[in-house]
Amino acid sequence: MSTHDYLSKEGLKTAIHTAYLSLDHEFEGIENAQKDIRMEGVDRTPVEILAYQLGWLNLVMKWDRDEKAGLTVITPSPDYKWNQLGGLYQSFYHTYATHSLDELRSLLKETEQQWQNWIDSLSDEELFMQGVRKWTGNNPKWPMVKWIHINSVAPFKTFRSKIRKWKKLNCISSI
């Protein structure tokens, strides 16, 4: 589903939650001792997948909080430019490296709920019209709904496929 397919806030929220539940389910059966195992053909470990999602969801919500507080938002972050995303991802991995898989799953559940609550707080104009928030940039094809989609629904689906492949390569059956 592309962002122009979202006809309402509720449609967006449902797509996010459905994709989140599918992703979370794939972590069933993975032991905490396996959280850092890297498999050939899968670019992230289970913990890195969860850390990536936690990092991005929290970062996007921070952009919006900061702009609403009157602060200048530097995207993606003051420490990283758009051509330095590898470093940003490493910072996400470092932030969450010591957490267990269960803790990360719990954090992602809480963060997905915060994401939903944040979306609830937005007007249709803020969501669907480009330029209402400065942090969304100047591209008319990038209203806030697109930023929300590419940082939740899209990677939830992509990472679900990656964790399924990881499990298959690691001989962990899907439940």
N, C-alpha and C. Protein backbone atom coordinates (compact mmCIF):
# COMPACT_ATOMS: atom_id res chain seq x y z
N MET A 1 0.86 -1.18 0.00
CA MET A 1 0.00 0.00 0.00
C MET A 1 0.89 1.23 0.00
N SER A 2 0.61 2.14 -0.89
CA SER A 2 1.37 3.39 -0.90
C SER A 2 0.62 4.43 -0.09
N THR A 3 1.30 5.52 0.21
CA THR A 3 0.69 6.50 1.10
C THR A 3 -0.55 7.15 0.51
N HIS A 4 -0.63 7.24 -0.81
CA HIS A 4 -1.82 7.88 -1.37
C HIS A 4 -3.05 6.97 -1.27
N ASP A 5 -2.84 5.72 -0.84
CA ASP A 5 -3.96 4.81 -0.64
C ASP A 5 -4.64 5.01 0.71
N TYR A 6 -4.03 5.77 1.60
CA TYR A 6 -4.64 6.01 2.89
C TYR A 6 -5.69 7.09 2.73
N LEU A 7 -6.93 6.70 2.93
CA LEU A 7 -8.03 7.63 2.76
C LEU A 7 -8.42 8.30 4.07
N SER A 8 -7.88 7.77 5.17
CA SER A 8 -8.23 8.32 6.47
C SER A 8 -7.15 8.00 7.49
N LYS A 9 -7.21 8.71 8.58
CA LYS A 9 -6.31 8.46 9.70
C LYS A 9 -6.51 7.04 10.21
N GLU A 10 -7.77 6.60 10.29
CA GLU A 10 -8.06 5.25 10.79
C GLU A 10 -7.46 4.18 9.87
N GLY A 11 -7.53 4.40 8.56
CA GLY A 11 -6.93 3.45 7.62
C GLY A 11 -5.43 3.34 7.82
N LEU A 12 -4.78 4.47 8.04
CA LEU A 12 -3.35 4.49 8.31
C LEU A 12 -3.04 3.75 9.60
N LYS A 13 -3.78 4.06 10.66
CA LYS A 13 -3.54 3.43 11.95
C LYS A 13 -3.74 1.92 11.90
N THR A 14 -4.76 1.48 11.18
CA THR A 14 -5.01 0.04 11.04
C THR A 14 -3.87 -0.63 10.30
N ALA A 15 -3.40 -0.02 9.22
CA ALA A 15 -2.28 -0.59 8.45
C ALA A 15 -1.03 -0.71 9.32
N ILE A 16 -0.77 0.31 10.13
CA ILE A 16 0.40 0.28 11.02
C ILE A 16 0.27 -0.86 12.02
N HIS A 17 -0.88 -0.93 12.68
CA HIS A 17 -1.04 -1.92 13.74
C HIS A 17 -1.01 -3.35 13.18
N THR A 18 -1.64 -3.56 12.05
CA THR A 18 -1.64 -4.88 11.42
C THR A 18 -0.21 -5.30 11.06
N ALA A 19 0.55 -4.39 10.47
CA ALA A 19 1.93 -4.70 10.09
C ALA A 19 2.80 -4.91 11.33
N TYR A 20 2.57 -4.12 12.37
CA TYR A 20 3.31 -4.29 13.63
C TYR A 20 3.04 -5.67 14.22
N LEU A 21 1.77 -6.06 14.31
CA LEU A 21 1.43 -7.37 14.90
C LEU A 21 2.08 -8.51 14.12
N SER A 22 2.08 -8.41 12.79
CA SER A 22 2.70 -9.44 11.96
C SER A 22 4.21 -9.52 12.21
N LEU A 23 4.85 -8.36 12.32
CA LEU A 23 6.29 -8.34 12.61
C LEU A 23 6.56 -8.92 13.99
N ASP A 24 5.86 -8.45 14.98
CA ASP A 24 6.10 -8.92 16.35
C ASP A 24 5.93 -10.43 16.45
N HIS A 25 4.93 -10.98 15.81
CA HIS A 25 4.65 -12.42 15.86
C HIS A 25 5.86 -13.23 15.38
N GLU A 26 6.59 -12.70 14.43
CA GLU A 26 7.74 -13.43 13.88
C GLU A 26 8.86 -13.63 14.90
N PHE A 27 8.85 -12.87 15.97
CA PHE A 27 9.89 -13.01 16.99
C PHE A 27 9.59 -14.13 17.98
N GLU A 28 8.37 -14.71 17.89
CA GLU A 28 8.03 -15.87 18.73
C GLU A 28 8.98 -17.00 18.39
N GLY A 29 9.50 -17.67 19.40
CA GLY A 29 10.36 -18.84 19.17
C GLY A 29 11.83 -18.51 19.02
N ILE A 30 12.17 -17.24 18.94
CA ILE A 30 13.59 -16.87 18.87
C ILE A 30 14.08 -16.69 20.31
N GLU A 31 15.08 -17.44 20.66
CA GLU A 31 15.64 -17.37 22.02
C GLU A 31 16.50 -16.12 22.16
N ASN A 32 16.54 -15.59 23.37
CA ASN A 32 17.35 -14.40 23.61
C ASN A 32 18.83 -14.64 23.28
N ALA A 33 19.30 -15.85 23.48
CA ALA A 33 20.70 -16.18 23.18
C ALA A 33 21.00 -16.04 21.68
N GLN A 34 19.97 -16.00 20.85
CA GLN A 34 20.14 -15.91 19.40
C GLN A 34 19.99 -14.48 18.87
N LYS A 35 19.75 -13.53 19.76
CA LYS A 35 19.38 -12.18 19.33
C LYS A 35 20.44 -11.47 18.50
N ASP A 36 21.70 -11.82 18.69
CA ASP A 36 22.78 -11.14 17.99
C ASP A 36 23.40 -11.99 16.87
N ILE A 37 22.78 -13.10 16.54
CA ILE A 37 23.32 -13.98 15.49
C ILE A 37 23.05 -13.35 14.12
N ARG A 38 24.11 -13.23 13.35
CA ARG A 38 24.01 -12.70 11.99
C ARG A 38 23.97 -13.88 11.03
N MET A 39 22.99 -13.87 10.13
CA MET A 39 22.86 -14.95 9.15
C MET A 39 23.22 -14.40 7.77
N GLU A 40 23.97 -15.21 7.02
CA GLU A 40 24.31 -14.87 5.63
C GLU A 40 23.02 -14.61 4.86
N GLY A 41 22.96 -13.48 4.16
CA GLY A 41 21.78 -13.17 3.35
C GLY A 41 20.73 -12.33 4.07
N VAL A 42 20.96 -12.04 5.34
CA VAL A 42 20.05 -11.17 6.10
C VAL A 42 20.92 -10.07 6.71
N ASP A 43 20.62 -8.82 6.37
CA ASP A 43 21.52 -7.73 6.73
C ASP A 43 21.46 -7.25 8.18
N ARG A 44 20.50 -7.77 8.95
CA ARG A 44 20.41 -7.35 10.35
C ARG A 44 20.12 -8.55 11.24
N THR A 45 20.60 -8.45 12.47
CA THR A 45 20.29 -9.46 13.48
C THR A 45 18.89 -9.15 14.04
N PRO A 46 18.29 -10.10 14.78
CA PRO A 46 16.99 -9.79 15.40
C PRO A 46 17.02 -8.52 16.25
N VAL A 47 18.06 -8.35 17.07
CA VAL A 47 18.12 -7.16 17.93
C VAL A 47 18.28 -5.90 17.08
N GLU A 48 19.02 -5.97 15.99
CA GLU A 48 19.20 -4.80 15.13
C GLU A 48 17.89 -4.40 14.44
N ILE A 49 17.09 -5.38 14.08
CA ILE A 49 15.79 -5.08 13.47
C ILE A 49 14.92 -4.30 14.45
N LEU A 50 14.84 -4.77 15.68
CA LEU A 50 14.02 -4.09 16.68
C LEU A 50 14.60 -2.72 17.04
N ALA A 51 15.92 -2.65 17.16
CA ALA A 51 16.57 -1.37 17.49
C ALA A 51 16.34 -0.34 16.38
N TYR A 52 16.44 -0.77 15.13
CA TYR A 52 16.20 0.11 13.99
C TYR A 52 14.79 0.71 14.08
N GLN A 53 13.81 -0.15 14.33
CA GLN A 53 12.43 0.34 14.40
C GLN A 53 12.22 1.27 15.57
N LEU A 54 12.74 0.90 16.72
CA LEU A 54 12.62 1.77 17.89
C LEU A 54 13.29 3.11 17.64
N GLY A 55 14.46 3.07 17.04
CA GLY A 55 15.19 4.30 16.75
C GLY A 55 14.41 5.24 15.84
N TRP A 56 13.91 4.70 14.72
CA TRP A 56 13.20 5.56 13.77
C TRP A 56 11.87 6.07 14.32
N LEU A 57 11.09 5.20 14.95
CA LEU A 57 9.80 5.66 15.46
C LEU A 57 9.99 6.79 16.47
N ASN A 58 10.95 6.61 17.37
CA ASN A 58 11.20 7.66 18.38
C ASN A 58 11.79 8.92 17.77
N LEU A 59 12.64 8.77 16.75
CA LEU A 59 13.25 9.93 16.12
C LEU A 59 12.20 10.79 15.39
N VAL A 60 11.32 10.15 14.64
CA VAL A 60 10.29 10.91 13.91
C VAL A 60 9.35 11.63 14.89
N MET A 61 8.96 10.95 15.96
CA MET A 61 8.10 11.62 16.95
C MET A 61 8.85 12.78 17.61
N LYS A 62 10.16 12.63 17.81
CA LYS A 62 10.96 13.71 18.39
C LYS A 62 11.00 14.92 17.46
N TRP A 63 11.13 14.68 16.14
CA TRP A 63 11.11 15.80 15.19
C TRP A 63 9.84 16.62 15.39
N ASP A 64 8.72 15.93 15.49
CA ASP A 64 7.44 16.63 15.61
C ASP A 64 7.33 17.35 16.95
N ARG A 65 7.72 16.69 18.03
CA ARG A 65 7.70 17.33 19.37
C ARG A 65 8.58 18.58 19.37
N ASP A 66 9.78 18.44 18.80
CA ASP A 66 10.72 19.56 18.80
C ASP A 66 10.17 20.74 18.00
N GLU A 67 9.62 20.46 16.82
CA GLU A 67 9.08 21.57 16.02
C GLU A 67 7.92 22.24 16.75
N LYS A 68 7.04 21.46 17.35
CA LYS A 68 5.91 22.03 18.08
C LYS A 68 6.38 22.85 19.29
N ALA A 69 7.56 22.52 19.81
CA ALA A 69 8.14 23.26 20.95
C ALA A 69 8.92 24.49 20.49
N GLY A 70 8.93 24.73 19.17
CA GLY A 70 9.62 25.90 18.65
C GLY A 70 11.09 25.71 18.36
N LEU A 71 11.56 24.47 18.44
CA LEU A 71 12.97 24.19 18.17
C LEU A 71 13.19 23.99 16.67
N THR A 72 14.41 24.23 16.21
CA THR A 72 14.78 23.95 14.83
C THR A 72 15.11 22.47 14.73
N VAL A 73 14.45 21.78 13.82
CA VAL A 73 14.65 20.35 13.65
C VAL A 73 15.67 20.12 12.55
N ILE A 74 16.71 19.38 12.88
CA ILE A 74 17.72 19.00 11.90
C ILE A 74 17.52 17.52 11.61
N THR A 75 17.13 17.20 10.37
CA THR A 75 16.89 15.81 10.01
C THR A 75 18.07 15.26 9.24
N PRO A 76 18.41 13.98 9.42
CA PRO A 76 17.76 13.07 10.34
C PRO A 76 18.12 13.32 11.81
N SER A 77 19.31 13.89 12.07
CA SER A 77 19.66 14.25 13.45
C SER A 77 20.83 15.23 13.40
N PRO A 78 21.04 15.97 14.48
CA PRO A 78 22.18 16.91 14.49
C PRO A 78 23.53 16.20 14.27
N ASP A 79 23.61 14.94 14.63
CA ASP A 79 24.87 14.20 14.53
C ASP A 79 25.09 13.50 13.19
N TYR A 80 24.02 13.35 12.39
CA TYR A 80 24.12 12.58 11.14
C TYR A 80 23.38 13.29 10.01
N LYS A 81 23.99 13.26 8.83
CA LYS A 81 23.34 13.77 7.61
C LYS A 81 22.65 12.59 6.92
N TRP A 82 21.81 12.90 5.92
CA TRP A 82 21.08 11.85 5.22
C TRP A 82 22.01 10.85 4.53
N ASN A 83 23.23 11.29 4.17
CA ASN A 83 24.17 10.36 3.53
C ASN A 83 25.02 9.62 4.57
N GLN A 84 24.65 9.72 5.84
CA GLN A 84 25.38 9.05 6.93
C GLN A 84 24.44 8.16 7.74
N LEU A 85 23.45 7.57 7.09
CA LEU A 85 22.46 6.79 7.82
C LEU A 85 23.06 5.56 8.49
N GLY A 86 24.13 5.02 7.92
CA GLY A 86 24.79 3.87 8.57
C GLY A 86 25.21 4.20 9.99
N GLY A 87 25.76 5.39 10.18
CA GLY A 87 26.16 5.82 11.52
C GLY A 87 24.95 5.99 12.44
N LEU A 88 23.86 6.52 11.89
CA LEU A 88 22.64 6.67 12.67
C LEU A 88 22.13 5.30 13.11
N TYR A 89 22.12 4.33 12.18
CA TYR A 89 21.67 2.98 12.53
C TYR A 89 22.55 2.38 13.62
N GLN A 90 23.86 2.60 13.51
CA GLN A 90 24.77 2.08 14.54
C GLN A 90 24.44 2.70 15.90
N SER A 91 24.05 3.97 15.90
CA SER A 91 23.67 4.60 17.18
C SER A 91 22.41 3.95 17.74
N PHE A 92 21.47 3.59 16.88
CA PHE A 92 20.26 2.87 17.33
C PHE A 92 20.67 1.52 17.94
N TYR A 93 21.53 0.78 17.22
CA TYR A 93 21.95 -0.55 17.70
C TYR A 93 22.64 -0.43 19.05
N HIS A 94 23.50 0.58 19.20
CA HIS A 94 24.22 0.78 20.45
C HIS A 94 23.25 1.08 21.60
N THR A 95 22.26 1.92 21.33
CA THR A 95 21.28 2.31 22.35
C THR A 95 20.57 1.10 22.93
N TYR A 96 20.24 0.12 22.07
CA TYR A 96 19.41 -1.01 22.51
C TYR A 96 20.17 -2.33 22.64
N ALA A 97 21.49 -2.32 22.49
CA ALA A 97 22.29 -3.55 22.45
C ALA A 97 22.17 -4.41 23.70
N THR A 98 22.01 -3.80 24.85
CA THR A 98 22.00 -4.57 26.11
C THR A 98 20.63 -5.11 26.49
N HIS A 99 19.61 -4.76 25.72
CA HIS A 99 18.25 -5.23 26.03
C HIS A 99 18.04 -6.66 25.53
N SER A 100 17.21 -7.40 26.25
CA SER A 100 16.82 -8.73 25.79
C SER A 100 15.79 -8.59 24.67
N LEU A 101 15.58 -9.68 23.94
CA LEU A 101 14.54 -9.65 22.90
C LEU A 101 13.17 -9.33 23.50
N ASP A 102 12.86 -9.93 24.64
CA ASP A 102 11.57 -9.66 25.28
C ASP A 102 11.43 -8.19 25.65
N GLU A 103 12.51 -7.60 26.17
CA GLU A 103 12.48 -6.18 26.52
C GLU A 103 12.28 -5.32 25.27
N LEU A 104 12.98 -5.68 24.20
CA LEU A 104 12.85 -4.92 22.95
C LEU A 104 11.46 -5.05 22.36
N ARG A 105 10.90 -6.24 22.42
CA ARG A 105 9.54 -6.43 21.92
C ARG A 105 8.54 -5.62 22.75
N SER A 106 8.75 -5.59 24.05
CA SER A 106 7.90 -4.80 24.92
C SER A 106 8.03 -3.31 24.63
N LEU A 107 9.26 -2.85 24.43
CA LEU A 107 9.50 -1.45 24.07
C LEU A 107 8.86 -1.11 22.73
N LEU A 108 8.95 -2.02 21.77
CA LEU A 108 8.35 -1.75 20.47
C LEU A 108 6.82 -1.70 20.59
N LYS A 109 6.26 -2.56 21.41
CA LYS A 109 4.81 -2.53 21.64
C LYS A 109 4.40 -1.17 22.21
N GLU A 110 5.13 -0.72 23.23
CA GLU A 110 4.83 0.58 23.85
C GLU A 110 5.01 1.72 22.84
N THR A 111 6.08 1.64 22.05
CA THR A 111 6.40 2.71 21.10
C THR A 111 5.38 2.73 19.96
N GLU A 112 4.92 1.56 19.53
CA GLU A 112 3.88 1.53 18.49
C GLU A 112 2.61 2.18 19.02
N GLN A 113 2.30 1.98 20.30
CA GLN A 113 1.12 2.62 20.90
C GLN A 113 1.33 4.14 20.98
N GLN A 114 2.54 4.57 21.33
CA GLN A 114 2.83 6.01 21.35
C GLN A 114 2.70 6.59 19.94
N TRP A 115 3.15 5.85 18.94
CA TRP A 115 3.04 6.25 17.53
C TRP A 115 1.57 6.43 17.16
N GLN A 116 0.74 5.47 17.57
CA GLN A 116 -0.71 5.55 17.31
C GLN A 116 -1.31 6.77 18.02
N ASN A 117 -0.92 6.98 19.26
CA ASN A 117 -1.44 8.14 20.01
C ASN A 117 -1.01 9.45 19.35
N TRP A 118 0.23 9.48 18.88
CA TRP A 118 0.73 10.67 18.18
C TRP A 118 -0.11 10.92 16.92
N ILE A 119 -0.37 9.88 16.15
CA ILE A 119 -1.19 10.03 14.94
C ILE A 119 -2.58 10.54 15.32
N ASP A 120 -3.13 10.02 16.41
CA ASP A 120 -4.44 10.50 16.89
C ASP A 120 -4.42 12.00 17.16
N SER A 121 -3.28 12.51 17.60
CA SER A 121 -3.18 13.93 17.96
C SER A 121 -3.07 14.84 16.73
N LEU A 122 -2.85 14.25 15.56
CA LEU A 122 -2.66 15.04 14.35
C LEU A 122 -3.98 15.28 13.64
N SER A 123 -4.11 16.45 13.04
CA SER A 123 -5.29 16.73 12.23
C SER A 123 -5.12 16.11 10.85
N ASP A 124 -6.19 15.98 10.10
CA ASP A 124 -6.10 15.48 8.73
C ASP A 124 -5.21 16.40 7.89
N GLU A 125 -5.28 17.69 8.15
CA GLU A 125 -4.44 18.64 7.42
C GLU A 125 -2.96 18.36 7.71
N GLU A 126 -2.63 18.17 8.98
CA GLU A 126 -1.24 17.88 9.34
C GLU A 126 -0.76 16.58 8.69
N LEU A 127 -1.62 15.58 8.67
CA LEU A 127 -1.26 14.27 8.13
C LEU A 127 -1.13 14.26 6.61
N PHE A 128 -2.10 14.84 5.93
CA PHE A 128 -2.24 14.62 4.49
C PHE A 128 -1.81 15.79 3.61
N MET A 129 -1.59 16.97 4.20
CA MET A 129 -1.17 18.12 3.40
C MET A 129 0.31 18.40 3.63
N GLN A 130 1.07 18.47 2.58
CA GLN A 130 2.50 18.72 2.67
C GLN A 130 2.76 20.14 3.15
N GLY A 131 3.78 20.28 3.98
CA GLY A 131 4.24 21.60 4.38
C GLY A 131 3.67 22.14 5.67
N VAL A 132 2.72 21.42 6.28
CA VAL A 132 2.17 21.90 7.54
C VAL A 132 3.25 21.86 8.63
N ARG A 133 4.11 20.86 8.58
CA ARG A 133 5.28 20.79 9.47
C ARG A 133 6.53 21.01 8.63
N LYS A 134 7.42 21.87 9.11
CA LYS A 134 8.67 22.15 8.39
C LYS A 134 9.54 20.92 8.25
N TRP A 135 9.54 20.05 9.28
CA TRP A 135 10.43 18.89 9.24
C TRP A 135 10.11 17.93 8.10
N THR A 136 8.92 18.02 7.52
CA THR A 136 8.58 17.12 6.41
C THR A 136 9.23 17.56 5.11
N GLY A 137 9.84 18.74 5.08
CA GLY A 137 10.55 19.19 3.89
C GLY A 137 9.66 19.89 2.89
N ASN A 138 10.18 20.06 1.67
CA ASN A 138 9.48 20.83 0.63
C ASN A 138 8.89 19.99 -0.49
N ASN A 139 9.19 18.70 -0.52
CA ASN A 139 8.71 17.86 -1.61
C ASN A 139 7.20 17.65 -1.48
N PRO A 140 6.42 18.08 -2.48
CA PRO A 140 4.96 17.95 -2.38
C PRO A 140 4.50 16.49 -2.32
N LYS A 141 5.36 15.56 -2.69
CA LYS A 141 5.00 14.15 -2.63
C LYS A 141 5.30 13.53 -1.27
N TRP A 142 5.76 14.35 -0.31
CA TRP A 142 6.12 13.85 1.01
C TRP A 142 5.35 14.53 2.14
N PRO A 143 4.02 14.39 2.17
CA PRO A 143 3.29 14.87 3.35
C PRO A 143 3.64 13.98 4.55
N MET A 144 3.24 14.38 5.72
CA MET A 144 3.58 13.64 6.94
C MET A 144 3.15 12.17 6.85
N VAL A 145 2.03 11.89 6.23
CA VAL A 145 1.56 10.50 6.12
C VAL A 145 2.60 9.62 5.44
N LYS A 146 3.35 10.18 4.49
CA LYS A 146 4.39 9.38 3.83
C LYS A 146 5.54 9.10 4.79
N TRP A 147 5.94 10.09 5.56
CA TRP A 147 6.98 9.88 6.56
C TRP A 147 6.55 8.81 7.56
N ILE A 148 5.30 8.86 7.96
CA ILE A 148 4.78 7.89 8.91
C ILE A 148 4.79 6.49 8.29
N HIS A 149 4.32 6.39 7.06
CA HIS A 149 4.29 5.10 6.36
C HIS A 149 5.69 4.49 6.23
N ILE A 150 6.65 5.29 5.73
CA ILE A 150 7.98 4.72 5.46
C ILE A 150 8.77 4.42 6.72
N ASN A 151 8.29 4.87 7.87
CA ASN A 151 8.97 4.57 9.12
C ASN A 151 8.20 3.59 9.99
N SER A 152 7.09 3.07 9.48
CA SER A 152 6.33 2.08 10.25
C SER A 152 5.84 0.96 9.33
N VAL A 153 4.78 1.17 8.59
CA VAL A 153 4.20 0.11 7.78
C VAL A 153 5.23 -0.53 6.85
N ALA A 154 5.93 0.28 6.08
CA ALA A 154 6.88 -0.26 5.09
C ALA A 154 7.98 -1.09 5.74
N PRO A 155 8.72 -0.55 6.73
CA PRO A 155 9.77 -1.38 7.33
C PRO A 155 9.22 -2.54 8.16
N PHE A 156 8.05 -2.39 8.77
CA PHE A 156 7.47 -3.53 9.50
C PHE A 156 7.32 -4.70 8.54
N LYS A 157 6.82 -4.44 7.33
CA LYS A 157 6.63 -5.50 6.34
C LYS A 157 7.97 -6.03 5.84
N THR A 158 8.90 -5.14 5.53
CA THR A 158 10.21 -5.56 5.05
C THR A 158 10.92 -6.40 6.10
N PHE A 159 10.90 -5.94 7.35
CA PHE A 159 11.59 -6.67 8.42
C PHE A 159 10.89 -7.98 8.76
N ARG A 160 9.60 -8.06 8.55
CA ARG A 160 8.92 -9.34 8.75
C ARG A 160 9.50 -10.37 7.79
N SER A 161 9.69 -9.98 6.55
CA SER A 161 10.29 -10.89 5.56
C SER A 161 11.72 -11.25 5.97
N LYS A 162 12.47 -10.25 6.44
CA LYS A 162 13.87 -10.51 6.83
C LYS A 162 13.96 -11.45 8.03
N ILE A 163 13.10 -11.26 9.02
CA ILE A 163 13.19 -12.12 10.21
C ILE A 163 12.69 -13.52 9.86
N ARG A 164 11.75 -13.64 8.94
CA ARG A 164 11.31 -14.97 8.49
C ARG A 164 12.47 -15.68 7.80
N LYS A 165 13.19 -14.97 6.95
CA LYS A 165 14.34 -15.55 6.27
C LYS A 165 15.41 -15.94 7.29
N TRP A 166 15.65 -15.05 8.26
CA TRP A 166 16.63 -15.32 9.32
C TRP A 166 16.26 -16.61 10.04
N LYS A 167 14.98 -16.75 10.40
CA LYS A 167 14.53 -17.94 11.12
C LYS A 167 14.70 -19.20 10.26
N LYS A 168 14.39 -19.09 8.99
CA LYS A 168 14.53 -20.24 8.09
C LYS A 168 15.99 -20.66 8.01
N LEU A 169 16.88 -19.70 7.84
CA LEU A 169 18.31 -19.99 7.77
C LEU A 169 18.85 -20.53 9.10
N ASN A 170 18.21 -20.16 10.18
CA ASN A 170 18.62 -20.57 11.52
C ASN A 170 17.83 -21.80 11.98
N CYS A 171 17.03 -22.34 11.07
CA CYS A 171 16.24 -23.55 11.35
C CYS A 171 15.28 -23.38 12.54
N ILE A 172 14.65 -22.21 12.60
CA ILE A 172 13.62 -21.96 13.61
C ILE A 172 12.29 -21.95 12.88
N SER A 173 11.41 -22.83 13.26
CA SER A 173 10.13 -22.90 12.56
C SER A 173 9.23 -21.75 12.96
N SER A 174 8.41 -21.32 12.01
CA SER A 174 7.41 -20.30 12.30
C SER A 174 6.30 -20.93 13.10
N ILE A 175 5.80 -20.17 14.05
CA ILE A 175 4.71 -20.67 14.90
C ILE A 175 3.39 -20.35 14.23
